Every structure is written in C-alpha cells, then in structure tokens.
C-alpha cells in the first residue's frame, strides 16, 4: 500500500471527462488542486458547464487524425502528466447491433491514445475497464482479478482488448492501473445525477415518468429473493479509488483491480431502497433476459491491499444521492 499526499502540481488528462464518471472525477481533481485537461468528443456536458479551471479539447480519439492531434497536445505537457482514460461507448445492447462501431470507438480510440502517449514519453495511465470482461460467472462466488475472463458482448471484448494493449506496454516501463468497474451509481450533486443511463437505478427513476410499469426480468434465479444480484459501487467511492491510483502511479504500477462495493444487492432490494425515498414503484415481472447471470459480485480485497481503499457509501446513501430533495416523499 502506498501512502502519502499526491503531488498536485502535476497535470492530469481525463478522456471522457464530460461523462457521468468523468464529471465527478474532474470535480474532485479540481477540488484537490490538480491541473486538468479534458478530452471528449461531445461539446456540451449533460452535467453542467465545464469548470473554468479546466482546459477542454473536443476530440474523438478514434478519428483518423486524432493520434496526430493528441501528439501535438501531449508534447507540450510535462513528462510526469498522467492520463485517466474514461472515454468509451458502453451500451452492451448497442454493441450487439453495431460491433464495428464499438471496435472503432473503444479499441481504435485507445490505440491512438496509447500511441500519442508513448511518442511523448507519457507513461502513466489509469484505464476504466468493466466487470463485463468476466462474462457470466459459473457460480455465485465473488469475482477476483484472477477469475476467468469470458466477455460475452462486443462491448466487453473491446474492454478486454484495451486491457491487453495496456498490459503489453508495461514491458516498456509503462505504469498502469486497470480498474474493472462494477455497477456505478450515486451522485455528489443533483446536477451530476445520471438521469438517462441504461443501468438499473436510472431506469427505475425514469420509469416514474413513463407509460407502463417497470419490467423486472425474472424472479426465479437461485438468489435469496429470486431476482438478479449485482454489485453497486457509489461513484464517489469509485472516484476515490481513481485518486488513489493517481497517487500510487507516481511510485509504481498498480495492475488490474476490481472496483465495486464487495456487496451484492438484488433488483428487489434496489427497488425497495428507492421506494423508501420516492414512494411506490410499479413493476411487472417478465421473462429472464438471455445471458443475465444470477449473481455478479466483486472481490475487492486486492484494491484494499494495493490502494488502501475501501468504499464508504452504502446502498441507502447511494440511492438517496440520486434523488433531488424535492423528489423525496
């Protein structure tokens, strides 16, 4: 475990810095005194204005000339500049219908980024990967970093391909942290709430304004209440883990780590936690979705050991943080 305060005189590049996780991270980096350069392909953030302290570059990492554009940007930066690579397309369903798009955006984009970094001698990166690389667990045991990877979607395959590219660079004195995010939720501010996300909690919140009841896919799984169990980590805890990676990478490589809560919450538990805050949620049970595993929970012992990190926000805190004060019943 590495301890000590980070050197906040250094610059941090955040790709995908206008997204849900990126917005939280950039906000925290500024609060901690870092100099931040955000690279994102969108011009306008869904989560408020880009902070005035941030240098913003609009660029799609996968574009034909992106590598050369990044080269021009990076060569002006100090050699100790670190990169946090969050930029990616992330819909499993969309990747199934358009795998070529996901290959281009995620894999080509990452390849361009890594090329520009190595050309400019920037050799420290934290990469946002996904628990999707594990596929469907063969049992209900927690997933560790040594668990077999078996990506079941084009999205998951792109994440594993990016991991492989980064690991290969480690032979060239390239220090990295690959963080396999589990389900991320929560918000540090009302304007940072992910309202149109494809994950369970944003969908439940959105269902209140939609015609028809929320669809719960299956209640006959081998779990305590019959519904799927998933690991949900608060975005504030996830950002804390990234900050610890930045600190650790000043000294040594981090490797591959799971970032989750280490706890499993069923779909029904999530619904019940939300109902305590906003009132009754109407839902209807429908057939299982093909490929949905019964239980996916992170083993986070290695993250505790390597980073000295642990999540501090529980389910009720996480759910409440996503509901505006006026929405509380």
C-alpha atoms as a PDB file:
ATOM      1  CA  UNK A   1       0.000   0.000   0.000  1.00  0.00           C
ATOM      2  CA  UNK A   2       1.345   3.422  -0.964  1.00  0.00           C
ATOM      3  CA  UNK A   3       0.680   6.277   1.407  1.00  0.00           C
ATOM      4  CA  UNK A   4       1.374   9.999   1.354  1.00  0.00           C
ATOM      5  CA  UNK A   5      -0.195  13.042  -0.259  1.00  0.00           C
ATOM      6  CA  UNK A   6      -0.285  13.349  -4.060  1.00  0.00           C
ATOM      7  CA  UNK A   7       1.804  15.964  -5.836  1.00  0.00           C
ATOM      8  CA  UNK A   8      -0.959  18.279  -7.044  1.00  0.00           C
ATOM      9  CA  UNK A   9       1.422  20.380  -9.142  1.00  0.00           C
ATOM     10  CA  UNK A  10       1.143  17.718 -11.834  1.00  0.00           C
ATOM     11  CA  UNK A  11      -1.272  17.730 -14.744  1.00  0.00           C
ATOM     12  CA  UNK A  12      -3.961  15.107 -15.327  1.00  0.00           C
ATOM     13  CA  UNK A  13      -5.541  14.313 -18.693  1.00  0.00           C
ATOM     14  CA  UNK A  14      -9.081  12.921 -18.417  1.00  0.00           C
ATOM     15  CA  UNK A  15     -10.562  11.424 -21.579  1.00  0.00           C
ATOM     16  CA  UNK A  16     -14.345  11.266 -21.489  1.00  0.00           C
ATOM     17  CA  UNK A  17     -14.252  13.965 -18.837  1.00  0.00           C
ATOM     18  CA  UNK A  18     -17.732  15.284 -19.694  1.00  0.00           C
ATOM     19  CA  UNK A  19     -19.436  11.961 -18.970  1.00  0.00           C
ATOM     20  CA  UNK A  20     -21.075  10.764 -15.758  1.00  0.00           C
ATOM     21  CA  UNK A  21     -17.958   9.369 -14.086  1.00  0.00           C
ATOM     22  CA  UNK A  22     -15.696  11.916 -15.756  1.00  0.00           C
ATOM     23  CA  UNK A  23     -17.678  14.859 -14.402  1.00  0.00           C
ATOM     24  CA  UNK A  24     -17.392  13.527 -10.850  1.00  0.00           C
ATOM     25  CA  UNK A  25     -13.687  12.839 -11.273  1.00  0.00           C
ATOM     26  CA  UNK A  26     -12.859  16.237 -12.760  1.00  0.00           C
ATOM     27  CA  UNK A  27     -14.799  17.963  -9.976  1.00  0.00           C
ATOM     28  CA  UNK A  28     -12.798  16.052  -7.359  1.00  0.00           C
ATOM     29  CA  UNK A  29      -9.465  16.653  -9.126  1.00  0.00           C
ATOM     30  CA  UNK A  30     -10.087  20.403  -9.166  1.00  0.00           C
ATOM     31  CA  UNK A  31     -11.111  20.310  -5.518  1.00  0.00           C
ATOM     32  CA  UNK A  32      -7.784  18.634  -4.753  1.00  0.00           C
ATOM     33  CA  UNK A  33      -5.776  21.222  -6.670  1.00  0.00           C
ATOM     34  CA  UNK A  34      -4.889  19.307  -9.838  1.00  0.00           C
ATOM     35  CA  UNK A  35      -4.470  20.948 -13.251  1.00  0.00           C
ATOM     36  CA  UNK A  36      -6.922  19.133 -15.554  1.00  0.00           C
ATOM     37  CA  UNK A  37      -7.079  18.734 -19.329  1.00  0.00           C
ATOM     38  CA  UNK A  38     -10.346  17.147 -20.516  1.00  0.00           C
ATOM     39  CA  UNK A  39     -10.613  15.464 -23.905  1.00  0.00           C
ATOM     40  CA  UNK A  40     -14.123  14.494 -25.013  1.00  0.00           C
ATOM     41  CA  UNK A  41     -15.929  14.049 -28.316  1.00  0.00           C
ATOM     42  CA  UNK A  42     -19.060  15.828 -27.110  1.00  0.00           C
ATOM     43  CA  UNK A  43     -19.214  19.598 -26.939  1.00  0.00           C
ATOM     44  CA  UNK A  44     -21.779  20.035 -24.194  1.00  0.00           C
ATOM     45  CA  UNK A  45     -21.931  18.126 -20.926  1.00  0.00           C
ATOM     46  CA  UNK A  46     -25.209  16.757 -19.572  1.00  0.00           C
ATOM     47  CA  UNK A  47     -23.904  17.530 -16.103  1.00  0.00           C
ATOM     48  CA  UNK A  48     -23.491  21.305 -16.125  1.00  0.00           C
ATOM     49  CA  UNK A  49     -20.873  23.665 -17.517  1.00  0.00           C
ATOM     50  CA  UNK A  50     -17.239  22.663 -17.888  1.00  0.00           C
ATOM     51  CA  UNK A  51     -15.424  24.250 -14.920  1.00  0.00           C
ATOM     52  CA  UNK A  52     -13.482  27.370 -15.863  1.00  0.00           C
ATOM     53  CA  UNK A  53     -10.322  25.876 -14.350  1.00  0.00           C
ATOM     54  CA  UNK A  54     -10.364  23.052 -16.911  1.00  0.00           C
ATOM     55  CA  UNK A  55      -8.688  23.114 -20.303  1.00  0.00           C
ATOM     56  CA  UNK A  56     -11.099  21.424 -22.715  1.00  0.00           C
ATOM     57  CA  UNK A  57     -10.297  19.855 -26.091  1.00  0.00           C
ATOM     58  CA  UNK A  58     -13.083  18.465 -28.242  1.00  0.00           C
ATOM     59  CA  UNK A  59     -11.749  15.380 -29.978  1.00  0.00           C
ATOM     60  CA  UNK A  60     -12.947  11.887 -30.851  1.00  0.00           C
ATOM     61  CA  UNK A  61      -9.989   9.634 -30.009  1.00  0.00           C
ATOM     62  CA  UNK A  62     -10.976   7.239 -32.796  1.00  0.00           C
ATOM     63  CA  UNK A  63     -10.905   9.808 -35.609  1.00  0.00           C
ATOM     64  CA  UNK A  64      -8.372   9.367 -38.385  1.00  0.00           C
ATOM     65  CA  UNK A  65      -6.264  12.368 -37.352  1.00  0.00           C
ATOM     66  CA  UNK A  66      -6.820  12.038 -33.604  1.00  0.00           C
ATOM     67  CA  UNK A  67      -3.447  10.435 -32.868  1.00  0.00           C
ATOM     68  CA  UNK A  68      -1.566  13.302 -34.501  1.00  0.00           C
ATOM     69  CA  UNK A  69      -3.765  15.897 -32.787  1.00  0.00           C
ATOM     70  CA  UNK A  70      -3.073  14.294 -29.402  1.00  0.00           C
ATOM     71  CA  UNK A  71       0.619  14.189 -30.254  1.00  0.00           C
ATOM     72  CA  UNK A  72       0.610  17.973 -30.694  1.00  0.00           C
ATOM     73  CA  UNK A  73      -1.225  18.453 -27.389  1.00  0.00           C
ATOM     74  CA  UNK A  74       0.797  15.966 -25.350  1.00  0.00           C
ATOM     75  CA  UNK A  75       4.243  17.126 -26.446  1.00  0.00           C
ATOM     76  CA  UNK A  76       3.591  20.452 -24.696  1.00  0.00           C
ATOM     77  CA  UNK A  77       2.888  18.740 -21.376  1.00  0.00           C
ATOM     78  CA  UNK A  78       5.310  17.727 -18.606  1.00  0.00           C
ATOM     79  CA  UNK A  79       6.584  14.140 -18.841  1.00  0.00           C
ATOM     80  CA  UNK A  80       5.003  13.315 -15.485  1.00  0.00           C
ATOM     81  CA  UNK A  81       1.495  14.067 -16.769  1.00  0.00           C
ATOM     82  CA  UNK A  82      -0.875  11.178 -16.051  1.00  0.00           C
ATOM     83  CA  UNK A  83      -3.848  10.026 -18.119  1.00  0.00           C
ATOM     84  CA  UNK A  84      -7.180   8.752 -16.814  1.00  0.00           C
ATOM     85  CA  UNK A  85      -8.856   7.076 -19.779  1.00  0.00           C
ATOM     86  CA  UNK A  86     -12.633   7.015 -19.333  1.00  0.00           C
ATOM     87  CA  UNK A  87     -13.748   7.712 -22.905  1.00  0.00           C
ATOM     88  CA  UNK A  88     -15.744   4.803 -24.340  1.00  0.00           C
ATOM     89  CA  UNK A  89     -19.075   3.707 -25.707  1.00  0.00           C
ATOM     90  CA  UNK A  90     -20.650   1.497 -23.055  1.00  0.00           C
ATOM     91  CA  UNK A  91     -24.001   0.003 -24.068  1.00  0.00           C
ATOM     92  CA  UNK A  92     -23.942  -3.794 -24.206  1.00  0.00           C
ATOM     93  CA  UNK A  93     -27.176  -3.860 -26.220  1.00  0.00           C
ATOM     94  CA  UNK A  94     -25.960  -1.301 -28.746  1.00  0.00           C
ATOM     95  CA  UNK A  95     -22.662  -3.125 -29.170  1.00  0.00           C
ATOM     96  CA  UNK A  96     -24.540  -6.285 -30.166  1.00  0.00           C
ATOM     97  CA  UNK A  97     -26.188  -4.485 -33.080  1.00  0.00           C
ATOM     98  CA  UNK A  98     -23.158  -2.448 -34.142  1.00  0.00           C
ATOM     99  CA  UNK A  99     -19.934  -4.222 -33.104  1.00  0.00           C
ATOM    100  CA  UNK A 100     -17.831  -2.400 -35.726  1.00  0.00           C
ATOM    101  CA  UNK A 101     -18.729   0.966 -34.172  1.00  0.00           C
ATOM    102  CA  UNK A 102     -17.646  -0.287 -30.737  1.00  0.00           C
ATOM    103  CA  UNK A 103     -14.400  -1.672 -32.132  1.00  0.00           C
ATOM    104  CA  UNK A 104     -13.650   1.697 -33.696  1.00  0.00           C
ATOM    105  CA  UNK A 105     -14.644   3.949 -30.806  1.00  0.00           C
ATOM    106  CA  UNK A 106     -13.178   1.887 -27.983  1.00  0.00           C
ATOM    107  CA  UNK A 107     -10.246  -0.067 -29.400  1.00  0.00           C
ATOM    108  CA  UNK A 108      -9.037   2.281 -32.133  1.00  0.00           C
ATOM    109  CA  UNK A 109      -9.541   5.243 -29.808  1.00  0.00           C
ATOM    110  CA  UNK A 110      -7.437   3.616 -27.103  1.00  0.00           C
ATOM    111  CA  UNK A 111      -4.763   2.583 -29.607  1.00  0.00           C
ATOM    112  CA  UNK A 112      -4.484   6.192 -30.821  1.00  0.00           C
ATOM    113  CA  UNK A 113      -4.247   7.467 -27.250  1.00  0.00           C
ATOM    114  CA  UNK A 114      -1.532   4.999 -26.277  1.00  0.00           C
ATOM    115  CA  UNK A 115       0.473   5.778 -29.418  1.00  0.00           C
ATOM    116  CA  UNK A 116       0.412   9.522 -28.696  1.00  0.00           C
ATOM    117  CA  UNK A 117       1.344   8.913 -25.065  1.00  0.00           C
ATOM    118  CA  UNK A 118       4.343   6.739 -25.900  1.00  0.00           C
ATOM    119  CA  UNK A 119       5.549   9.174 -28.576  1.00  0.00           C
ATOM    120  CA  UNK A 120       5.564  11.941 -25.955  1.00  0.00           C
ATOM    121  CA  UNK A 121       7.001   9.778 -23.189  1.00  0.00           C
ATOM    122  CA  UNK A 122       3.838   9.923 -21.069  1.00  0.00           C
ATOM    123  CA  UNK A 123       3.872   6.557 -19.322  1.00  0.00           C
ATOM    124  CA  UNK A 124       1.240   6.555 -16.595  1.00  0.00           C
ATOM    125  CA  UNK A 125      -2.394   5.659 -17.262  1.00  0.00           C
ATOM    126  CA  UNK A 126      -5.477   4.665 -15.302  1.00  0.00           C
ATOM    127  CA  UNK A 127      -7.908   2.798 -17.562  1.00  0.00           C
ATOM    128  CA  UNK A 128     -11.627   2.357 -16.935  1.00  0.00           C
ATOM    129  CA  UNK A 129     -12.423  -1.256 -17.740  1.00  0.00           C
ATOM    130  CA  UNK A 130     -15.538  -3.206 -16.813  1.00  0.00           C
ATOM    131  CA  UNK A 131     -16.711  -6.240 -14.871  1.00  0.00           C
ATOM    132  CA  UNK A 132     -18.291  -7.265 -18.189  1.00  0.00           C
ATOM    133  CA  UNK A 133     -14.931  -8.813 -19.149  1.00  0.00           C
ATOM    134  CA  UNK A 134     -15.691 -11.692 -16.746  1.00  0.00           C
ATOM    135  CA  UNK A 135     -18.833 -12.715 -18.605  1.00  0.00           C
ATOM    136  CA  UNK A 136     -21.302 -14.953 -16.808  1.00  0.00           C
ATOM    137  CA  UNK A 137     -19.850 -16.436 -13.595  1.00  0.00           C
ATOM    138  CA  UNK A 138     -20.136 -20.194 -13.280  1.00  0.00           C
ATOM    139  CA  UNK A 139     -21.242 -19.860  -9.666  1.00  0.00           C
ATOM    140  CA  UNK A 140     -22.391 -17.215  -7.218  1.00  0.00           C
ATOM    141  CA  UNK A 141     -18.944 -16.651  -5.726  1.00  0.00           C
ATOM    142  CA  UNK A 142     -17.313 -13.218  -5.774  1.00  0.00           C
ATOM    143  CA  UNK A 143     -15.181 -12.421  -8.795  1.00  0.00           C
ATOM    144  CA  UNK A 144     -11.493 -11.792  -8.187  1.00  0.00           C
ATOM    145  CA  UNK A 145      -8.947 -10.347 -10.583  1.00  0.00           C
ATOM    146  CA  UNK A 146      -7.731 -13.888 -11.279  1.00  0.00           C
ATOM    147  CA  UNK A 147     -11.201 -15.112 -12.267  1.00  0.00           C
ATOM    148  CA  UNK A 148     -11.515 -16.298 -15.846  1.00  0.00           C
ATOM    149  CA  UNK A 149     -12.378 -13.626 -18.391  1.00  0.00           C
ATOM    150  CA  UNK A 150     -15.082 -14.550 -20.875  1.00  0.00           C
ATOM    151  CA  UNK A 151     -16.556 -11.424 -22.489  1.00  0.00           C
ATOM    152  CA  UNK A 152     -19.993 -12.107 -23.928  1.00  0.00           C
ATOM    153  CA  UNK A 153     -20.614  -8.875 -25.862  1.00  0.00           C
ATOM    154  CA  UNK A 154     -18.661  -6.786 -28.363  1.00  0.00           C
ATOM    155  CA  UNK A 155     -18.536  -4.046 -25.706  1.00  0.00           C
ATOM    156  CA  UNK A 156     -16.893  -6.377 -23.192  1.00  0.00           C
ATOM    157  CA  UNK A 157     -14.489  -7.678 -25.826  1.00  0.00           C
ATOM    158  CA  UNK A 158     -13.359  -4.143 -26.614  1.00  0.00           C
ATOM    159  CA  UNK A 159     -12.608  -3.529 -22.937  1.00  0.00           C
ATOM    160  CA  UNK A 160     -10.522  -6.690 -22.697  1.00  0.00           C
ATOM    161  CA  UNK A 161      -8.684  -5.801 -25.915  1.00  0.00           C
ATOM    162  CA  UNK A 162      -7.804  -2.396 -24.462  1.00  0.00           C
ATOM    163  CA  UNK A 163      -6.598  -4.031 -21.256  1.00  0.00           C
ATOM    164  CA  UNK A 164      -4.301  -6.275 -23.300  1.00  0.00           C
ATOM    165  CA  UNK A 165      -2.808  -3.313 -25.179  1.00  0.00           C
ATOM    166  CA  UNK A 166      -2.025  -1.518 -21.934  1.00  0.00           C
ATOM    167  CA  UNK A 167      -0.554  -4.578 -20.230  1.00  0.00           C
ATOM    168  CA  UNK A 168       1.785  -5.132 -23.184  1.00  0.00           C
ATOM    169  CA  UNK A 169       3.176  -1.628 -22.725  1.00  0.00           C
ATOM    170  CA  UNK A 170       4.226  -2.482 -19.163  1.00  0.00           C
ATOM    171  CA  UNK A 171       7.383  -4.054 -20.616  1.00  0.00           C
ATOM    172  CA  UNK A 172       8.382  -0.540 -21.730  1.00  0.00           C
ATOM    173  CA  UNK A 173       8.381   0.959 -18.209  1.00  0.00           C
ATOM    174  CA  UNK A 174       4.740   1.923 -18.677  1.00  0.00           C
ATOM    175  CA  UNK A 175       2.926   2.190 -15.327  1.00  0.00           C
ATOM    176  CA  UNK A 176      -0.771   1.440 -15.352  1.00  0.00           C
ATOM    177  CA  UNK A 177      -3.893   0.863 -13.325  1.00  0.00           C
ATOM    178  CA  UNK A 178      -6.682  -1.118 -14.956  1.00  0.00           C
ATOM    179  CA  UNK A 179      -9.858  -0.707 -12.926  1.00  0.00           C
ATOM    180  CA  UNK A 180     -12.697  -3.113 -13.616  1.00  0.00           C
ATOM    181  CA  UNK A 181     -15.756  -1.102 -12.633  1.00  0.00           C
ATOM    182  CA  UNK A 182     -18.839  -2.928 -11.447  1.00  0.00           C
ATOM    183  CA  UNK A 183     -22.238  -1.140 -11.491  1.00  0.00           C
ATOM    184  CA  UNK A 184     -21.719   2.550 -10.740  1.00  0.00           C
ATOM    185  CA  UNK A 185     -24.438   4.753  -9.242  1.00  0.00           C
ATOM    186  CA  UNK A 186     -24.891   7.715  -6.925  1.00  0.00           C
ATOM    187  CA  UNK A 187     -24.051  11.396  -7.273  1.00  0.00           C
ATOM    188  CA  UNK A 188     -22.146  14.061  -5.382  1.00  0.00           C
ATOM    189  CA  UNK A 189     -24.515  16.820  -6.597  1.00  0.00           C
ATOM    190  CA  UNK A 190     -28.021  16.995  -8.031  1.00  0.00           C
ATOM    191  CA  UNK A 191     -26.747  18.145 -11.431  1.00  0.00           C
ATOM    192  CA  UNK A 192     -24.386  15.162 -11.593  1.00  0.00           C
ATOM    193  CA  UNK A 193     -27.166  12.536 -11.412  1.00  0.00           C
ATOM    194  CA  UNK A 194     -27.194  10.148 -14.380  1.00  0.00           C
ATOM    195  CA  UNK A 195     -30.816  10.506 -15.477  1.00  0.00           C
ATOM    196  CA  UNK A 196     -30.739   8.817 -18.878  1.00  0.00           C
ATOM    197  CA  UNK A 197     -28.379   5.950 -18.125  1.00  0.00           C
ATOM    198  CA  UNK A 198     -29.084   2.395 -19.228  1.00  0.00           C
ATOM    199  CA  UNK A 199     -28.345   0.936 -15.796  1.00  0.00           C
ATOM    200  CA  UNK A 200     -30.935  -0.265 -13.286  1.00  0.00           C
ATOM    201  CA  UNK A 201     -31.256   2.749 -10.966  1.00  0.00           C
ATOM    202  CA  UNK A 202     -31.532   5.443 -13.687  1.00  0.00           C
ATOM    203  CA  UNK A 203     -34.093   3.253 -15.449  1.00  0.00           C
ATOM    204  CA  UNK A 204     -36.112   2.892 -12.249  1.00  0.00           C
ATOM    205  CA  UNK A 205     -36.062   6.646 -11.696  1.00  0.00           C
ATOM    206  CA  UNK A 206     -37.071   7.288 -15.300  1.00  0.00           C
ATOM    207  CA  UNK A 207     -39.891   4.728 -15.125  1.00  0.00           C
ATOM    208  CA  UNK A 208     -41.952   7.068 -12.942  1.00  0.00           C
ATOM    209  CA  UNK A 209     -42.472   9.326 -15.969  1.00  0.00           C
ATOM    210  CA  UNK A 210     -43.117   6.570 -18.499  1.00  0.00           C
ATOM    211  CA  UNK A 211     -46.293   4.818 -19.598  1.00  0.00           C
ATOM    212  CA  UNK A 212     -46.491   1.287 -18.244  1.00  0.00           C
ATOM    213  CA  UNK A 213     -44.785  -0.457 -15.358  1.00  0.00           C
ATOM    214  CA  UNK A 214     -41.076  -1.102 -14.986  1.00  0.00           C
ATOM    215  CA  UNK A 215     -40.098  -4.527 -16.327  1.00  0.00           C
ATOM    216  CA  UNK A 216     -38.287  -6.796 -13.879  1.00  0.00           C
ATOM    217  CA  UNK A 217     -36.537  -9.526 -15.872  1.00  0.00           C
ATOM    218  CA  UNK A 218     -37.025 -12.774 -13.973  1.00  0.00           C
ATOM    219  CA  UNK A 219     -37.778 -13.636 -10.348  1.00  0.00           C
ATOM    220  CA  UNK A 220     -36.774 -17.311 -10.433  1.00  0.00           C
ATOM    221  CA  UNK A 221     -32.987 -17.037 -10.151  1.00  0.00           C
ATOM    222  CA  UNK A 222     -31.110 -19.066  -7.486  1.00  0.00           C
ATOM    223  CA  UNK A 223     -30.782 -15.991  -5.248  1.00  0.00           C
ATOM    224  CA  UNK A 224     -32.399 -15.185  -1.869  1.00  0.00           C
ATOM    225  CA  UNK A 225     -35.391 -13.374  -3.414  1.00  0.00           C
ATOM    226  CA  UNK A 226     -35.262 -14.822  -6.923  1.00  0.00           C
ATOM    227  CA  UNK A 227     -34.061 -11.640  -8.655  1.00  0.00           C
ATOM    228  CA  UNK A 228     -30.598 -10.970 -10.056  1.00  0.00           C
ATOM    229  CA  UNK A 229     -27.917  -9.835  -7.633  1.00  0.00           C
ATOM    230  CA  UNK A 230     -25.408  -7.181  -8.652  1.00  0.00           C
ATOM    231  CA  UNK A 231     -22.562  -5.229  -7.074  1.00  0.00           C
ATOM    232  CA  UNK A 232     -23.270  -1.484  -6.988  1.00  0.00           C
ATOM    233  CA  UNK A 233     -20.487   0.940  -6.099  1.00  0.00           C
ATOM    234  CA  UNK A 234     -21.063   4.618  -5.346  1.00  0.00           C
ATOM    235  CA  UNK A 235     -19.459   6.943  -7.893  1.00  0.00           C
ATOM    236  CA  UNK A 236     -17.911   8.912  -5.026  1.00  0.00           C
ATOM    237  CA  UNK A 237     -16.117   5.789  -3.827  1.00  0.00           C
ATOM    238  CA  UNK A 238     -15.046   4.985  -7.378  1.00  0.00           C
ATOM    239  CA  UNK A 239     -13.539   8.471  -7.778  1.00  0.00           C
ATOM    240  CA  UNK A 240     -11.711   7.971  -4.500  1.00  0.00           C
ATOM    241  CA  UNK A 241     -10.162   4.805  -5.942  1.00  0.00           C
ATOM    242  CA  UNK A 242      -9.030   6.653  -9.078  1.00  0.00           C
ATOM    243  CA  UNK A 243      -7.402   9.385  -6.985  1.00  0.00           C
ATOM    244  CA  UNK A 244      -5.529   6.747  -5.024  1.00  0.00           C
ATOM    245  CA  UNK A 245      -4.375   5.188  -8.304  1.00  0.00           C
ATOM    246  CA  UNK A 246      -3.023   8.549  -9.463  1.00  0.00           C
ATOM    247  CA  UNK A 247      -1.080   8.825  -6.225  1.00  0.00           C
ATOM    248  CA  UNK A 248       0.244   5.262  -6.386  1.00  0.00           C
ATOM    249  CA  UNK A 249       1.294   5.551 -10.037  1.00  0.00           C
ATOM    250  CA  UNK A 250       3.734   8.257  -9.025  1.00  0.00           C
ATOM    251  CA  UNK A 251       5.771   5.472  -7.468  1.00  0.00           C
ATOM    252  CA  UNK A 252       4.837   2.177  -9.080  1.00  0.00           C
ATOM    253  CA  UNK A 253       2.414   0.351 -11.331  1.00  0.00           C
ATOM    254  CA  UNK A 254      -0.928  -0.696  -9.841  1.00  0.00           C
ATOM    255  CA  UNK A 255      -2.049  -3.559 -12.100  1.00  0.00           C
ATOM    256  CA  UNK A 256      -5.596  -4.840 -12.509  1.00  0.00           C
ATOM    257  CA  UNK A 257      -8.113  -4.161  -9.733  1.00  0.00           C
ATOM    258  CA  UNK A 258     -11.827  -4.716  -9.191  1.00  0.00           C
ATOM    259  CA  UNK A 259     -13.679  -1.598  -8.092  1.00  0.00           C
ATOM    260  CA  UNK A 260     -17.025  -2.472  -6.563  1.00  0.00           C
ATOM    261  CA  UNK A 261     -18.652  -2.389  -3.160  1.00  0.00           C
ATOM    262  CA  UNK A 262     -17.956  -6.051  -2.439  1.00  0.00           C
ATOM    263  CA  UNK A 263     -21.683  -6.396  -1.657  1.00  0.00           C
ATOM    264  CA  UNK A 264     -24.483  -7.922  -3.669  1.00  0.00           C
ATOM    265  CA  UNK A 265     -27.851  -6.196  -3.958  1.00  0.00           C
ATOM    266  CA  UNK A 266     -30.821  -7.838  -5.645  1.00  0.00           C
ATOM    267  CA  UNK A 267     -33.087  -5.969  -8.035  1.00  0.00           C
ATOM    268  CA  UNK A 268     -35.848  -6.143  -5.442  1.00  0.00           C
ATOM    269  CA  UNK A 269     -33.537  -4.687  -2.781  1.00  0.00           C
ATOM    270  CA  UNK A 270     -32.712  -1.784  -5.078  1.00  0.00           C
ATOM    271  CA  UNK A 271     -36.402  -1.172  -5.721  1.00  0.00           C
ATOM    272  CA  UNK A 272     -37.190  -1.301  -2.003  1.00  0.00           C
ATOM    273  CA  UNK A 273     -34.360   1.126  -1.193  1.00  0.00           C
ATOM    274  CA  UNK A 274     -35.680   3.574  -3.781  1.00  0.00           C
ATOM    275  CA  UNK A 275     -39.249   3.220  -2.543  1.00  0.00           C
ATOM    276  CA  UNK A 276     -38.147   4.380   0.916  1.00  0.00           C
ATOM    277  CA  UNK A 277     -37.135   7.659  -0.695  1.00  0.00           C
ATOM    278  CA  UNK A 278     -39.627   8.312  -3.510  1.00  0.00           C
ATOM    279  CA  UNK A 279     -42.591   6.068  -2.740  1.00  0.00           C
ATOM    280  CA  UNK A 280     -44.118   3.097  -4.545  1.00  0.00           C
ATOM    281  CA  UNK A 281     -42.554   1.913  -7.789  1.00  0.00           C
ATOM    282  CA  UNK A 282     -44.839  -0.092 -10.064  1.00  0.00           C
ATOM    283  CA  UNK A 283     -43.212  -3.017 -11.799  1.00  0.00           C
ATOM    284  CA  UNK A 284     -44.180  -6.186 -13.604  1.00  0.00           C
ATOM    285  CA  UNK A 285     -42.177  -9.419 -13.702  1.00  0.00           C
ATOM    286  CA  UNK A 286     -41.356 -10.641 -17.199  1.00  0.00           C
ATOM    287  CA  UNK A 287     -39.209 -13.457 -18.573  1.00  0.00           C
ATOM    288  CA  UNK A 288     -35.468 -13.563 -17.957  1.00  0.00           C
ATOM    289  CA  UNK A 289     -33.173 -11.868 -20.442  1.00  0.00           C
ATOM    290  CA  UNK A 290     -30.834 -14.226 -22.231  1.00  0.00           C
ATOM    291  CA  UNK A 291     -27.330 -14.152 -20.791  1.00  0.00           C
ATOM    292  CA  UNK A 292     -28.156 -12.444 -17.488  1.00  0.00           C
ATOM    293  CA  UNK A 293     -26.156 -14.199 -14.737  1.00  0.00           C
ATOM    294  CA  UNK A 294     -27.812 -14.777 -11.373  1.00  0.00           C
ATOM    295  CA  UNK A 295     -25.131 -13.033  -9.318  1.00  0.00           C
ATOM    296  CA  UNK A 296     -22.155 -10.760 -10.049  1.00  0.00           C
ATOM    297  CA  UNK A 297     -20.237  -9.500  -7.011  1.00  0.00           C
ATOM    298  CA  UNK A 298     -16.730  -8.057  -6.799  1.00  0.00           C
ATOM    299  CA  UNK A 299     -13.985  -9.379  -4.586  1.00  0.00           C
ATOM    300  CA  UNK A 300     -12.258  -6.098  -3.634  1.00  0.00           C
ATOM    301  CA  UNK A 301      -9.588  -7.405  -1.279  1.00  0.00           C
ATOM    302  CA  UNK A 302      -6.798  -6.589  -3.729  1.00  0.00           C
ATOM    303  CA  UNK A 303      -7.924  -2.963  -4.108  1.00  0.00           C
ATOM    304  CA  UNK A 304      -7.913  -2.642  -0.322  1.00  0.00           C
ATOM    305  CA  UNK A 305      -4.419  -4.105  -0.169  1.00  0.00           C
ATOM    306  CA  UNK A 306      -2.822  -2.215  -3.070  1.00  0.00           C
ATOM    307  CA  UNK A 307      -4.512   1.164  -2.680  1.00  0.00           C
ATOM    308  CA  UNK A 308      -5.572   1.213   0.947  1.00  0.00           C
ATOM    309  CA  UNK A 309      -9.043   1.931  -0.455  1.00  0.00           C
ATOM    310  CA  UNK A 310     -12.466   0.878   0.706  1.00  0.00           C
ATOM    311  CA  UNK A 311     -15.986   2.038  -0.199  1.00  0.00           C
ATOM    312  CA  UNK A 312     -17.765   4.083   2.452  1.00  0.00           C
ATOM    313  CA  UNK A 313     -21.182   4.773   0.872  1.00  0.00           C
ATOM    314  CA  UNK A 314     -23.893   2.179   1.437  1.00  0.00           C
ATOM    315  CA  UNK A 315     -26.950   1.395  -0.669  1.00  0.00           C
ATOM    316  CA  UNK A 316     -29.357   3.834   1.017  1.00  0.00           C
ATOM    317  CA  UNK A 317     -26.851   6.693   0.807  1.00  0.00           C
ATOM    318  CA  UNK A 318     -26.147   5.917  -2.842  1.00  0.00           C
ATOM    319  CA  UNK A 319     -29.832   5.772  -3.792  1.00  0.00           C
ATOM    320  CA  UNK A 320     -30.744   8.906  -1.832  1.00  0.00           C
ATOM    321  CA  UNK A 321     -27.952  10.869  -3.526  1.00  0.00           C
ATOM    322  CA  UNK A 322     -29.644  10.308  -6.901  1.00  0.00           C
ATOM    323  CA  UNK A 323     -32.963  11.791  -5.845  1.00  0.00           C
ATOM    324  CA  UNK A 324     -33.362  15.558  -5.734  1.00  0.00           C
ATOM    325  CA  UNK A 325     -34.500  16.948  -2.397  1.00  0.00           C
ATOM    326  CA  UNK A 326     -37.851  17.958  -3.865  1.00  0.00           C
ATOM    327  CA  UNK A 327     -38.444  14.402  -5.013  1.00  0.00           C
ATOM    328  CA  UNK A 328     -38.163  12.862  -1.562  1.00  0.00           C
ATOM    329  CA  UNK A 329     -41.567  11.839  -0.317  1.00  0.00           C
END
